[in-house]
Amino acid sequence: MKLTYLQTDFPNGRSHLLMRNLDSTNQELHHYILVLTNKGKLWVDVFWPYDEESEKYTRHISEEQFWHTFRDWRLQGLVLGDSEKVAQILARKQLDRKKKSNSI
């Protein structure tokens, strides 16, 4: 497994820390081992559709920067969310997109 560390900083103040598996062979989905947001959500081992908008705000960071930011967010009182709910929401969005594209 080859990992790369990323940080996405959206204009609305939301940030994500991402640990991405570069060995994933699926062309439609990115395989993230861990995603932590500064809004209190933690996702572990998720497959996420490519998102052109978020790619604009994403940059590579070092492993040390990743864990330093992770630690800082936790020390600031970040409470982790429910990854099962997030997975259900993402799955519904993906299914809705497929239904819309099939109906056209």
Protein backbone atom coordinates (compact mmCIF):
# COMPACT_ATOMS: atom_id res chain seq x y z
CA MET A 1 0.00 0.00 0.00
CA LYS A 2 1.44 3.34 -1.08
CA LEU A 3 0.06 6.27 0.93
CA THR A 4 -0.02 9.95 0.17
CA TYR A 5 -1.07 12.60 2.66
CA LEU A 6 -3.34 15.46 1.63
CA GLN A 7 -5.05 18.46 3.12
CA THR A 8 -8.11 20.12 1.61
CA ASP A 9 -8.95 23.64 2.80
CA PHE A 10 -12.32 24.81 1.46
CA PRO A 11 -13.17 28.55 1.25
CA ASN A 12 -15.98 28.11 3.83
CA GLY A 13 -13.44 27.17 6.55
CA ARG A 14 -13.95 23.40 6.41
CA SER A 15 -10.76 21.37 6.17
CA HIS A 16 -10.03 17.71 5.55
CA LEU A 17 -6.94 15.65 6.29
CA LEU A 18 -6.73 12.70 3.92
CA MET A 19 -4.59 9.60 3.80
CA ARG A 20 -5.00 8.17 0.29
CA ASN A 21 -4.01 4.75 -1.02
CA LEU A 22 -2.29 5.26 -4.39
CA ASP A 23 -2.27 1.52 -5.11
CA SER A 24 -6.05 1.46 -5.60
CA THR A 25 -6.91 0.35 -9.13
CA ASN A 26 -10.49 1.63 -9.23
CA GLN A 27 -10.64 4.50 -11.74
CA GLU A 28 -14.01 5.90 -10.57
CA LEU A 29 -13.29 5.99 -6.84
CA HIS A 30 -10.40 7.20 -4.70
CA HIS A 31 -9.53 4.91 -1.79
CA TYR A 32 -8.98 6.89 1.40
CA ILE A 33 -7.68 5.07 4.45
CA LEU A 34 -8.56 7.91 6.80
CA VAL A 35 -10.28 11.27 6.45
CA LEU A 36 -10.56 13.67 9.38
CA THR A 37 -12.37 17.00 9.12
CA ASN A 38 -12.07 20.01 11.35
CA LYS A 39 -15.87 19.87 11.71
CA GLY A 40 -15.69 16.67 13.77
CA LYS A 41 -16.06 13.81 11.30
CA LEU A 42 -13.79 10.81 10.99
CA TRP A 43 -14.03 8.41 8.06
CA VAL A 44 -11.88 5.31 7.91
CA ASP A 45 -11.34 3.12 4.82
CA VAL A 46 -13.73 4.85 2.44
CA PHE A 47 -14.06 4.88 -1.33
CA TRP A 48 -14.97 8.32 -2.59
CA PRO A 49 -15.92 9.47 -6.09
CA TYR A 50 -13.50 11.86 -7.75
CA ASP A 51 -14.56 15.43 -6.92
CA GLU A 52 -13.15 18.06 -9.27
CA GLU A 53 -14.14 20.96 -6.99
CA SER A 54 -12.36 19.62 -3.91
CA GLU A 55 -9.25 18.83 -5.98
CA LYS A 56 -8.84 22.61 -6.49
CA TYR A 57 -8.39 23.07 -2.74
CA THR A 58 -6.29 19.96 -2.04
CA ARG A 59 -2.53 19.93 -1.58
CA HIS A 60 0.06 17.31 -0.69
CA ILE A 61 1.49 17.45 2.81
CA SER A 62 4.10 15.36 4.59
CA GLU A 63 3.21 12.52 6.94
CA GLU A 64 4.57 14.63 9.81
CA GLN A 65 2.30 17.58 8.87
CA PHE A 66 -0.66 15.21 8.65
CA TRP A 67 -0.19 13.81 12.16
CA HIS A 68 0.71 17.20 13.63
CA THR A 69 -2.53 18.74 12.31
CA PHE A 70 -4.50 15.67 13.40
CA ARG A 71 -3.10 16.05 16.93
CA ASP A 72 -3.78 19.82 16.98
CA TRP A 73 -7.40 19.34 15.99
CA ARG A 74 -7.87 16.67 18.67
CA LEU A 75 -6.25 18.91 21.33
CA GLN A 76 -8.61 21.74 20.35
CA GLY A 77 -11.51 19.53 21.43
CA LEU A 78 -12.52 18.05 18.10
CA VAL A 79 -15.20 15.44 18.68
CA LEU A 80 -15.29 12.68 16.10
CA GLY A 81 -18.51 11.95 14.25
CA ASP A 82 -20.30 8.80 13.14
CA SER A 83 -18.57 7.34 10.08
CA GLU A 84 -21.47 4.96 9.37
CA LYS A 85 -23.87 7.87 8.80
CA VAL A 86 -21.34 9.55 6.52
CA ALA A 87 -20.88 6.35 4.50
CA GLN A 88 -24.66 6.06 4.05
CA ILE A 89 -24.93 9.67 2.86
CA LEU A 90 -22.07 9.24 0.37
CA ALA A 91 -23.57 5.98 -0.93
CA ARG A 92 -26.98 7.63 -1.42
CA LYS A 93 -25.40 10.56 -3.29
CA GLN A 94 -23.50 8.18 -5.57
CA LEU A 95 -26.64 6.12 -6.29
CA ASP A 96 -28.65 9.28 -7.01
CA ARG A 97 -25.98 10.43 -9.50
CA LYS A 98 -26.07 7.06 -11.26
CA LYS A 99 -29.89 7.10 -11.43
CA LYS A 100 -29.87 10.63 -12.91
CA SER A 101 -27.23 9.77 -15.51
CA ASN A 102 -29.10 6.59 -16.50
CA SER A 103 -32.41 8.44 -16.91
CA ILE A 104 -30.94 10.98 -19.34
